[in-house]
Amino acid sequence: MKCISVYTDNFEVFSDVFEEVIEINLGENDERELQGITVSDSGEVPEHYLERMAKKPEVVVMRDKKRNITILQHGKVFEILIPTEDQEVVITG
């Protein structure tokens, strides 16, 4: 899964840049600023990362079912997890 990190703890600000973040073409470990918010490609994360993070009480898990995207919010960061080809995100538990 590809992971894009959006460095803000403000959901409203995150919502404002979400569509732009999804459309931006970041290279691996690339970092950009959108509307004053730092956005970076955090590379690939293993399948078990989502399962492990979803179990933590301080992590909020959100889904965009239409696009099969999972968003994790914890601390001052939102992580957008986008399945790469031949992957499907499944949350158990």
Protein backbone atom coordinates (compact mmCIF):
# COMPACT_ATOMS: atom_id res chain seq x y z
CA MET A 1 0.00 0.00 0.00
CA LYS A 2 1.16 3.48 -0.81
CA CYS A 3 1.15 5.85 2.18
CA ILE A 4 0.78 9.61 1.88
CA SER A 5 1.22 11.61 5.09
CA VAL A 6 -0.61 14.90 5.62
CA TYR A 7 0.81 16.83 8.57
CA THR A 8 -2.08 18.50 10.36
CA ASP A 9 -4.30 17.64 13.31
CA ASN A 10 -7.19 19.71 11.93
CA PHE A 11 -9.82 17.56 10.16
CA GLU A 12 -11.34 20.56 8.39
CA VAL A 13 -7.97 21.54 6.91
CA PHE A 14 -7.33 17.91 5.93
CA SER A 15 -10.74 17.74 4.22
CA ASP A 16 -9.94 20.90 2.28
CA VAL A 17 -6.74 19.41 0.79
CA PHE A 18 -7.78 15.73 0.54
CA GLU A 19 -8.85 15.74 -3.12
CA GLU A 20 -5.73 17.65 -4.15
CA VAL A 21 -3.54 15.22 -2.19
CA ILE A 22 -5.14 12.23 -3.92
CA GLU A 23 -4.56 13.79 -7.35
CA ILE A 24 -0.99 15.01 -6.77
CA ASN A 25 1.74 12.87 -8.24
CA LEU A 26 4.34 12.52 -5.49
CA GLY A 27 7.50 10.56 -6.08
CA GLU A 28 8.73 8.21 -3.39
CA ASN A 29 9.81 10.23 -0.32
CA ASP A 30 8.75 13.43 -2.12
CA GLU A 31 7.44 16.29 0.02
CA ARG A 32 5.27 19.25 -0.99
CA GLU A 33 3.30 22.02 0.62
CA LEU A 34 -0.41 22.45 -0.20
CA GLN A 35 -2.32 25.36 1.29
CA GLY A 36 0.31 25.66 4.02
CA ILE A 37 0.17 21.94 4.91
CA THR A 38 3.12 19.59 4.42
CA VAL A 39 2.27 16.47 2.40
CA SER A 40 4.76 13.69 1.81
CA ASP A 41 4.94 10.31 0.16
CA SER A 42 5.92 7.91 2.90
CA GLY A 43 6.55 5.04 0.51
CA GLU A 44 5.02 1.60 0.78
CA VAL A 45 3.67 0.14 4.02
CA PRO A 46 3.06 -3.57 4.60
CA GLU A 47 -0.46 -4.99 4.81
CA HIS A 48 -0.16 -5.65 8.56
CA TYR A 49 0.51 -1.93 9.21
CA LEU A 50 -3.16 -1.08 8.75
CA GLU A 51 -4.29 -3.95 10.97
CA ARG A 52 -1.81 -2.99 13.69
CA MET A 53 -2.67 0.72 13.62
CA ALA A 54 -6.45 0.10 13.53
CA LYS A 55 -6.21 -1.71 16.89
CA LYS A 56 -4.70 1.29 18.68
CA PRO A 57 -7.25 3.35 20.65
CA GLU A 58 -5.64 6.68 19.69
CA VAL A 59 -6.00 5.99 15.95
CA VAL A 60 -9.11 7.01 14.01
CA VAL A 61 -9.80 4.90 10.91
CA MET A 62 -11.82 6.38 8.05
CA ARG A 63 -12.70 4.81 4.71
CA ASP A 64 -13.45 6.12 1.25
CA LYS A 65 -15.21 2.99 0.01
CA LYS A 66 -15.77 4.39 -3.46
CA ARG A 67 -12.01 4.65 -4.07
CA ASN A 68 -10.94 1.88 -1.66
CA ILE A 69 -8.80 4.34 0.34
CA THR A 70 -8.20 4.13 4.07
CA ILE A 71 -7.28 7.16 6.16
CA LEU A 72 -5.63 6.88 9.56
CA GLN A 73 -5.55 9.89 11.88
CA HIS A 74 -3.30 9.92 14.91
CA GLY A 75 -1.47 12.69 16.66
CA LYS A 76 -0.80 15.50 14.22
CA VAL A 77 -0.85 13.43 11.04
CA PHE A 78 -3.32 11.88 8.65
CA GLU A 79 -2.05 8.88 6.68
CA ILE A 80 -3.79 8.08 3.42
CA LEU A 81 -3.35 4.42 2.49
CA ILE A 82 -3.92 3.67 -1.17
CA PRO A 83 -3.82 0.04 -2.34
CA THR A 84 -1.38 -0.66 -5.11
CA GLU A 85 -2.43 -2.94 -7.94
CA ASP A 86 -3.63 -6.39 -6.86
CA GLN A 87 -4.21 -5.26 -3.26
CA GLU A 88 -7.44 -4.89 -1.39
CA VAL A 89 -7.68 -3.25 2.02
CA VAL A 90 -9.41 -5.44 4.60
CA ILE A 91 -9.83 -4.38 8.22
CA THR A 92 -10.40 -7.20 10.66
CA GLY A 93 -11.38 -7.00 14.27
